[in-house]
């Protein structure tokens, strides 16, 4: 059976491109953090506030995106989100002003919060084999492609002596071009946005489903771990493992390369129906790799061991790979009525994590050092595994009762 029906393949590719650029925009600031701290003179607390500003906007935007999807449809939501990202990225880091960059990152976050639920909802509707999660995993593989490519290109630019801020402008241009292409795409073939109207959370059923709340909790914790590692791994390598600044963005790419490997290999190799078991296994891998990476920072810092944290960073990314799309799939399957609202609520949980955990990390790092701050993500990863176990158990019970 094909992954996506033939009439929808062009739209799938367009949204795939949007998610790839979305992934780049999510990781680019974290990959630039050593340069931003060095050239702009910001403290860890200032950097954490700028990162958290985007997360706050993302959280609020994604929380309201269910109503947006039901009222104006996925095409308009995606195009508005792309436009907001274009404005923010076109001017971010054009000056060292803390407040100006914070406001620009608010725009970026607001745009991202509209793009993601719309693309997630669309991917669920495109899945030819309901419940397989293959289309969703592959779509989130696009995110990983962008997340790998952005920091990698940034590292090459820094090594070549090119202005690192140029990449922000280039991504803004690509977002604009993609918006023009998506404006002509046949979103109407997804159909059934209307079927979700009138069946929102207030209608009753999705709000009572345990998966509705567990999805929010899983993504709150998971995104805190995923984006936290991504945003701070470059600085962690420079400060703790004495990596060259040109290598630091490559550490971000290694993390996202692990996500990329998992998001493409799982849909290709796993044809079973135990999404709950796969979710649990990968969340435990994330926990083990993150704990080992933190322990290495305390026990044996130094550049001579650079290959070891690099390998652990890749494994942490691999552990992350299918958690997000699988949680979205399980929530979407469990909350068939009001699906857009259920997905948006789960995604907004990720937005809360994206907002809260940078503050936690920057506060701990500022007061106790980056090793202690990074170790907090090991605890977040373990909490993620516990939440995923609860969601997997709930889904398995629902499937047995069906």
Protein backbone atom coordinates (compact mmCIF):
# COMPACT_ATOMS: atom_id res chain seq x y z
CA UNK A 1 0.00 0.00 0.00
CA UNK A 2 1.44 3.45 -0.92
CA UNK A 3 2.37 5.81 1.86
CA UNK A 4 0.24 8.66 0.48
CA UNK A 5 -2.50 8.58 -2.18
CA UNK A 6 -1.31 9.80 -5.58
CA UNK A 7 -3.50 12.94 -5.73
CA UNK A 8 -1.98 14.09 -2.42
CA UNK A 9 1.69 13.47 -3.17
CA UNK A 10 2.39 16.98 -4.44
CA UNK A 11 0.84 18.48 -1.34
CA UNK A 12 2.78 16.04 0.84
CA UNK A 13 6.04 17.16 -0.80
CA UNK A 14 5.13 20.83 -0.32
CA UNK A 15 4.40 20.31 3.37
CA UNK A 16 7.53 18.16 3.61
CA UNK A 17 9.52 21.19 2.41
CA UNK A 18 7.75 23.45 4.90
CA UNK A 19 8.62 21.09 7.74
CA UNK A 20 12.25 20.91 6.62
CA UNK A 21 12.56 24.69 6.81
CA UNK A 22 10.64 24.63 10.08
CA UNK A 23 13.28 22.28 11.46
CA UNK A 24 16.06 24.61 10.35
CA UNK A 25 14.38 27.61 11.97
CA UNK A 26 13.98 25.67 15.23
CA UNK A 27 17.68 24.78 15.55
CA UNK A 28 19.48 27.68 13.93
CA UNK A 29 19.51 29.97 16.98
CA UNK A 30 20.80 27.21 19.26
CA UNK A 31 23.52 26.33 16.76
CA UNK A 32 24.49 30.02 16.62
CA UNK A 33 24.58 30.37 20.40
CA UNK A 34 28.40 30.39 20.82
CA UNK A 35 28.67 33.15 18.19
CA UNK A 36 25.76 35.10 19.67
CA UNK A 37 27.19 34.90 23.19
CA UNK A 38 30.65 35.91 21.96
CA UNK A 39 29.75 38.72 19.55
CA UNK A 40 26.67 40.18 21.22
CA UNK A 41 27.94 39.89 24.80
CA UNK A 42 24.78 38.24 26.10
CA UNK A 43 24.68 36.22 29.30
CA UNK A 44 23.24 32.72 29.53
CA UNK A 45 20.16 34.29 31.11
CA UNK A 46 19.70 36.71 28.19
CA UNK A 47 20.09 33.92 25.65
CA UNK A 48 17.61 31.79 27.56
CA UNK A 49 15.08 34.64 27.57
CA UNK A 50 15.35 35.11 23.80
CA UNK A 51 14.89 31.38 23.23
CA UNK A 52 11.99 31.31 25.68
CA UNK A 53 10.29 34.25 23.91
CA UNK A 54 9.95 32.16 20.78
CA UNK A 55 8.68 29.24 22.86
CA UNK A 56 6.04 31.36 24.59
CA UNK A 57 4.72 32.62 21.25
CA UNK A 58 4.82 29.08 19.85
CA UNK A 59 2.86 27.73 22.80
CA UNK A 60 0.10 30.34 22.60
CA UNK A 61 -0.08 30.12 18.83
CA UNK A 62 -0.29 26.33 18.78
CA UNK A 63 -2.86 26.31 21.58
CA UNK A 64 -5.17 28.46 19.48
CA UNK A 65 -4.37 26.73 16.22
CA UNK A 66 -7.17 24.18 16.60
CA UNK A 67 -9.75 26.96 16.32
CA UNK A 68 -7.72 28.53 13.51
CA UNK A 69 -7.71 25.26 11.56
CA UNK A 70 -11.45 24.86 12.03
CA UNK A 71 -12.20 28.44 11.00
CA UNK A 72 -9.82 29.23 8.12
CA UNK A 73 -8.41 25.81 7.18
CA UNK A 74 -4.88 24.40 7.00
CA UNK A 75 -3.75 26.35 3.92
CA UNK A 76 -4.37 29.77 5.45
CA UNK A 77 -2.84 28.66 8.75
CA UNK A 78 0.34 27.45 7.04
CA UNK A 79 0.66 30.59 4.89
CA UNK A 80 0.19 32.95 7.84
CA UNK A 81 2.74 30.96 9.81
CA UNK A 82 5.25 31.08 6.98
CA UNK A 83 4.80 34.85 6.64
CA UNK A 84 5.47 35.39 10.34
CA UNK A 85 8.67 33.30 10.12
CA UNK A 86 9.83 35.26 7.07
CA UNK A 87 9.54 38.57 8.94
CA UNK A 88 11.34 37.29 12.02
CA UNK A 89 14.19 35.51 10.25
CA UNK A 90 14.79 38.35 7.80
CA UNK A 91 15.93 40.63 10.63
CA UNK A 92 17.01 38.35 13.50
CA UNK A 93 20.63 38.95 14.64
CA UNK A 94 20.92 42.03 12.40
CA UNK A 95 21.89 43.92 15.57
CA UNK A 96 23.07 42.89 19.07
CA UNK A 97 19.97 44.45 20.64
CA UNK A 98 18.55 42.02 23.17
CA UNK A 99 15.03 43.43 23.01
CA UNK A 100 14.89 43.64 19.21
CA UNK A 101 15.97 40.02 18.85
CA UNK A 102 13.55 38.91 21.53
CA UNK A 103 10.66 40.53 19.62
CA UNK A 104 11.81 39.02 16.33
CA UNK A 105 11.98 35.60 17.91
CA UNK A 106 8.41 36.10 19.15
CA UNK A 107 7.38 36.45 15.50
CA UNK A 108 9.27 33.29 14.55
CA UNK A 109 7.69 31.30 17.37
CA UNK A 110 4.18 32.50 16.54
CA UNK A 111 4.63 31.39 12.94
CA UNK A 112 6.00 28.00 13.95
CA UNK A 113 3.03 27.46 16.27
CA UNK A 114 0.65 27.80 13.32
CA UNK A 115 2.67 25.72 10.88
CA UNK A 116 3.16 22.61 13.00
CA UNK A 117 -0.42 21.67 13.99
CA UNK A 118 -1.61 22.33 10.44
CA UNK A 119 1.05 20.05 8.98
CA UNK A 120 0.44 17.38 11.65
CA UNK A 121 -3.30 17.41 10.97
CA UNK A 122 -2.65 17.19 7.22
CA UNK A 123 -0.24 14.26 7.63
CA UNK A 124 -2.82 12.31 9.64
CA UNK A 125 -5.39 12.86 6.88
CA UNK A 126 -2.91 11.68 4.23
CA UNK A 127 -2.03 8.38 5.90
CA UNK A 128 -3.24 5.65 3.55
CA UNK A 129 -2.93 2.97 6.25
CA UNK A 130 -4.75 4.38 9.26
CA UNK A 131 -2.86 3.94 12.48
CA UNK A 132 0.48 3.07 10.87
CA UNK A 133 2.03 6.44 11.71
CA UNK A 134 4.24 6.12 8.61
CA UNK A 135 3.17 9.36 6.93
CA UNK A 136 3.55 11.23 10.22
CA UNK A 137 7.00 9.80 10.92
CA UNK A 138 8.16 10.60 7.41
CA UNK A 139 6.81 14.14 7.64
CA UNK A 140 8.71 14.67 10.87
CA UNK A 141 11.76 13.26 9.10
CA UNK A 142 11.64 16.45 7.04
CA UNK A 143 11.96 18.42 10.27
CA UNK A 144 15.10 16.42 11.08
CA UNK A 145 16.54 17.07 7.60
CA UNK A 146 16.25 20.81 8.15
CA UNK A 147 17.54 20.52 11.70
CA UNK A 148 20.64 18.68 10.46
CA UNK A 149 21.26 20.84 7.40
CA UNK A 150 20.98 24.24 9.09
CA UNK A 151 23.68 23.77 11.76
CA UNK A 152 25.89 21.89 9.28
CA UNK A 153 25.76 24.75 6.78
CA UNK A 154 26.30 27.22 9.61
CA UNK A 155 29.44 25.37 10.72
CA UNK A 156 30.79 25.38 7.15
CA UNK A 157 30.07 29.11 6.85
CA UNK A 158 31.88 29.88 10.10
CA UNK A 159 34.84 27.71 9.07
CA UNK A 160 34.94 29.51 5.71
CA UNK A 161 34.87 32.97 7.29
CA UNK A 162 31.42 33.89 5.95
CA UNK A 163 28.98 36.01 8.00
CA UNK A 164 27.00 33.58 10.13
CA UNK A 165 23.92 35.86 10.10
CA UNK A 166 23.61 35.40 6.34
CA UNK A 167 21.98 32.01 6.86
CA UNK A 168 19.03 33.59 8.69
CA UNK A 169 18.33 35.77 5.64
CA UNK A 170 18.63 32.81 3.27
CA UNK A 171 16.11 30.77 5.27
CA UNK A 172 13.70 33.72 5.23
CA UNK A 173 13.89 33.82 1.42
CA UNK A 174 13.28 30.07 1.17
CA UNK A 175 10.27 30.35 3.49
CA UNK A 176 8.84 33.07 1.24
CA UNK A 177 9.34 31.03 -1.94
CA UNK A 178 7.77 27.97 -0.34
CA UNK A 179 4.78 30.04 0.74
CA UNK A 180 4.20 31.05 -2.87
CA UNK A 181 4.32 27.39 -3.94
CA UNK A 182 1.98 26.19 -1.17
CA UNK A 183 -0.57 28.87 -2.03
CA UNK A 184 -1.23 26.91 -5.23
CA UNK A 185 -1.46 23.49 -3.53
CA UNK A 186 -4.79 21.57 -3.36
CA UNK A 187 -5.41 21.53 0.40
CA UNK A 188 -9.10 21.00 -0.33
CA UNK A 189 -8.32 17.37 -1.23
CA UNK A 190 -7.66 16.68 2.43
CA UNK A 191 -11.32 17.36 3.00
CA UNK A 192 -13.15 17.04 6.28
CA UNK A 193 -11.91 20.11 8.12
CA UNK A 194 -15.63 20.76 8.37
CA UNK A 195 -16.19 17.39 10.05
CA UNK A 196 -14.16 18.52 13.04
CA UNK A 197 -16.16 21.71 13.45
CA UNK A 198 -18.65 21.54 16.23
CA UNK A 199 -16.79 18.62 17.78
CA UNK A 200 -14.17 20.56 19.67
CA UNK A 201 -13.02 19.91 23.19
CA UNK A 202 -16.12 21.60 24.52
CA UNK A 203 -18.15 18.90 22.76
CA UNK A 204 -16.94 16.44 25.36
CA UNK A 205 -15.31 13.36 23.96
CA UNK A 206 -11.70 14.37 23.24
CA UNK A 207 -11.40 16.18 26.56
CA UNK A 208 -12.41 13.02 28.45
CA UNK A 209 -9.97 10.74 26.63
CA UNK A 210 -6.87 10.06 28.78
CA UNK A 211 -4.71 10.25 25.63
CA UNK A 212 -5.81 13.87 25.21
CA UNK A 213 -4.07 14.90 28.45
CA UNK A 214 -1.23 12.40 28.27
CA UNK A 215 -0.32 13.66 24.80
CA UNK A 216 0.02 17.17 26.23
CA UNK A 217 2.21 15.90 29.08
CA UNK A 218 4.41 13.74 26.83
CA UNK A 219 5.12 16.58 24.43
CA UNK A 220 5.63 19.10 27.23
CA UNK A 221 8.44 16.97 28.65
CA UNK A 222 9.75 15.64 25.35
CA UNK A 223 10.11 19.02 23.66
CA UNK A 224 11.83 20.33 26.77
CA UNK A 225 14.43 17.59 26.37
CA UNK A 226 14.71 17.67 22.57
CA UNK A 227 14.96 21.41 22.03
CA UNK A 228 16.94 21.87 25.23
CA UNK A 229 19.62 19.46 24.07
CA UNK A 230 19.57 20.96 20.59
CA UNK A 231 19.85 24.56 21.82
CA UNK A 232 22.65 23.93 24.31
CA UNK A 233 24.70 21.05 22.92
CA UNK A 234 26.94 23.38 20.89
CA UNK A 235 27.85 25.45 23.94
CA UNK A 236 28.21 22.25 26.00
CA UNK A 237 30.78 20.89 23.55
CA UNK A 238 32.75 24.15 23.54
CA UNK A 239 32.69 24.73 27.30
CA UNK A 240 33.05 21.17 28.58
CA UNK A 241 34.78 19.21 25.81
CA UNK A 242 36.95 22.09 24.45
CA UNK A 243 35.55 21.72 20.92
CA UNK A 244 36.44 24.33 18.31
CA UNK A 245 33.67 26.89 17.67
CA UNK A 246 33.52 25.68 14.06
CA UNK A 247 32.81 22.13 15.31
CA UNK A 248 30.12 23.20 17.77
CA UNK A 249 27.28 23.49 15.21
CA UNK A 250 28.21 20.00 13.97
CA UNK A 251 27.29 18.66 17.41
CA UNK A 252 23.78 20.00 16.79
CA UNK A 253 23.78 18.29 13.40
CA UNK A 254 24.86 15.00 15.02
CA UNK A 255 21.90 15.16 17.36
CA UNK A 256 19.49 15.81 14.52
CA UNK A 257 21.19 13.20 12.34
CA UNK A 258 20.11 10.67 14.97
CA UNK A 259 16.54 11.95 14.71
CA UNK A 260 16.76 11.82 10.94
CA UNK A 261 17.98 8.21 10.99
CA UNK A 262 15.14 7.10 13.22
CA UNK A 263 12.38 9.02 11.49
CA UNK A 264 13.18 7.50 8.11
CA UNK A 265 14.29 4.03 9.18
CA UNK A 266 11.30 3.26 11.44
CA UNK A 267 8.63 3.85 8.74
CA UNK A 268 10.76 1.90 6.24
CA UNK A 269 11.70 -1.05 8.44
CA UNK A 270 8.92 -1.41 10.99
CA UNK A 271 5.60 -2.59 9.55
CA UNK A 272 4.01 -3.71 12.79
CA UNK A 273 1.14 -2.07 14.65
CA UNK A 274 2.68 -1.75 18.12
CA UNK A 275 3.29 1.98 18.05
CA UNK A 276 2.95 1.98 21.84
CA UNK A 277 5.89 -0.45 22.28
CA UNK A 278 8.07 1.46 19.81
CA UNK A 279 7.35 4.70 21.67
CA UNK A 280 8.42 3.20 24.99
CA UNK A 281 11.64 1.69 23.61
CA UNK A 282 12.84 4.89 21.97
CA UNK A 283 12.02 7.03 25.00
CA UNK A 284 14.20 4.73 27.13
CA UNK A 285 17.05 5.10 24.62
CA UNK A 286 16.76 8.89 24.90
CA UNK A 287 16.97 8.65 28.69
CA UNK A 288 20.03 6.37 28.68
CA UNK A 289 22.00 8.39 26.12
CA UNK A 290 21.26 11.74 27.76
CA UNK A 291 22.22 10.44 31.21
CA UNK A 292 25.49 9.07 29.83
CA UNK A 293 26.26 12.34 28.06
CA UNK A 294 25.73 14.30 31.28
CA UNK A 295 27.78 11.83 33.34
CA UNK A 296 30.66 12.11 30.87
CA UNK A 297 30.65 15.89 31.28
CA UNK A 298 31.13 15.52 35.03
CA UNK A 299 33.56 12.59 34.92
CA UNK A 300 35.86 13.11 31.96
CA UNK A 301 35.70 16.48 30.19
CA UNK A 302 38.34 17.11 27.55
CA UNK A 303 38.80 17.28 23.83
CA UNK A 304 40.61 13.92 23.65
CA UNK A 305 37.25 12.27 24.34
CA UNK A 306 35.31 14.25 21.74
CA UNK A 307 34.24 11.18 19.78
CA UNK A 308 32.48 9.71 22.82
CA UNK A 309 30.10 12.62 23.48
CA UNK A 310 29.58 12.83 19.72
CA UNK A 311 28.38 9.22 19.63
CA UNK A 312 26.16 9.76 22.68
CA UNK A 313 24.69 12.89 21.07
CA UNK A 314 23.76 10.85 18.00
CA UNK A 315 22.15 8.16 20.17
CA UNK A 316 20.19 10.78 22.11
CA UNK A 317 18.87 12.06 18.80
CA UNK A 318 17.99 8.53 17.71
CA UNK A 319 16.06 8.06 20.95
CA UNK A 320 14.15 11.26 20.24
CA UNK A 321 13.39 10.34 16.66
CA UNK A 322 9.92 8.82 16.75
CA UNK A 323 8.61 10.14 20.07
CA UNK A 324 6.95 13.31 18.80
CA UNK A 325 5.26 11.93 15.66
CA UNK A 326 4.18 8.76 17.46
CA UNK A 327 2.60 10.72 20.31
CA UNK A 328 0.74 12.84 17.74
CA UNK A 329 -0.42 9.69 15.92
CA UNK A 330 -1.64 8.02 19.13
CA UNK A 331 -3.50 11.17 20.17
CA UNK A 332 -5.06 11.55 16.72
CA UNK A 333 -6.20 7.91 16.65
CA UNK A 334 -7.55 8.08 20.21
CA UNK A 335 -9.41 11.38 19.71
CA UNK A 336 -11.08 10.90 16.34
CA UNK A 337 -13.71 13.55 16.97
CA UNK A 338 -12.30 17.04 17.36
CA UNK A 339 -9.03 15.73 15.98
CA UNK A 340 -7.66 19.18 15.14
CA UNK A 341 -8.32 20.41 18.68
CA UNK A 342 -6.73 17.31 20.22
CA UNK A 343 -3.62 17.61 18.06
CA UNK A 344 -3.33 21.34 18.75
CA UNK A 345 -3.65 20.77 22.49
CA UNK A 346 -0.89 18.15 22.41
CA UNK A 347 1.35 20.42 20.33
CA UNK A 348 0.73 23.29 22.75
CA UNK A 349 2.12 21.03 25.49
CA UNK A 350 5.32 20.99 23.49
CA UNK A 351 5.14 24.77 23.36
CA UNK A 352 4.90 24.98 27.14
CA UNK A 353 7.98 22.78 27.42
CA UNK A 354 9.74 24.89 24.84
CA UNK A 355 8.99 27.96 26.94
CA UNK A 356 9.64 26.65 30.45
CA UNK A 357 12.76 24.56 30.10
CA UNK A 358 15.09 27.17 28.54
CA UNK A 359 14.45 29.30 31.63
CA UNK A 360 15.27 26.36 33.87
CA UNK A 361 18.41 25.55 31.91
CA UNK A 362 19.69 29.13 31.74
CA UNK A 363 19.01 29.71 35.46
CA UNK A 364 20.82 26.53 36.51
CA UNK A 365 23.70 27.21 34.10
CA UNK A 366 24.04 30.81 35.25
CA UNK A 367 24.15 29.84 38.93
CA UNK A 368 25.70 26.38 38.99
CA UNK A 369 27.46 25.95 35.64
CA UNK A 370 26.49 24.44 32.32
CA UNK A 371 27.28 20.87 33.45
CA UNK A 372 24.60 21.10 36.12
CA UNK A 373 22.23 22.79 33.70
CA UNK A 374 22.70 20.13 31.07
CA UNK A 375 22.24 17.40 33.66
CA UNK A 376 18.72 18.72 34.24
CA UNK A 377 17.84 17.43 30.79
CA UNK A 378 18.68 13.90 31.88
CA UNK A 379 15.94 14.23 34.48
CA UNK A 380 13.57 15.66 31.88
CA UNK A 381 14.37 12.76 29.54
CA UNK A 382 13.58 10.24 32.29
CA UNK A 383 10.29 12.03 32.98
CA UNK A 384 9.53 11.88 29.26
CA UNK A 385 9.98 8.11 29.28
CA UNK A 386 7.60 7.80 32.23
CA UNK A 387 4.93 9.90 30.49
CA UNK A 388 5.35 7.94 27.25
CA UNK A 389 4.95 4.69 29.18
CA UNK A 390 1.64 5.95 30.57
CA UNK A 391 0.40 6.95 27.09
CA UNK A 392 1.53 3.61 25.61
CA UNK A 393 -0.29 1.70 28.36
CA UNK A 394 -3.48 3.73 27.83
CA UNK A 395 -3.37 3.19 24.07
CA UNK A 396 -2.74 -0.56 24.45
CA UNK A 397 -5.75 -0.87 26.77
CA UNK A 398 -7.91 1.04 24.31
CA UNK A 399 -6.81 -1.19 21.43
CA UNK A 400 -7.53 -4.39 23.40
CA UNK A 401 -10.98 -3.08 24.32
CA UNK A 402 -11.81 -2.16 20.70
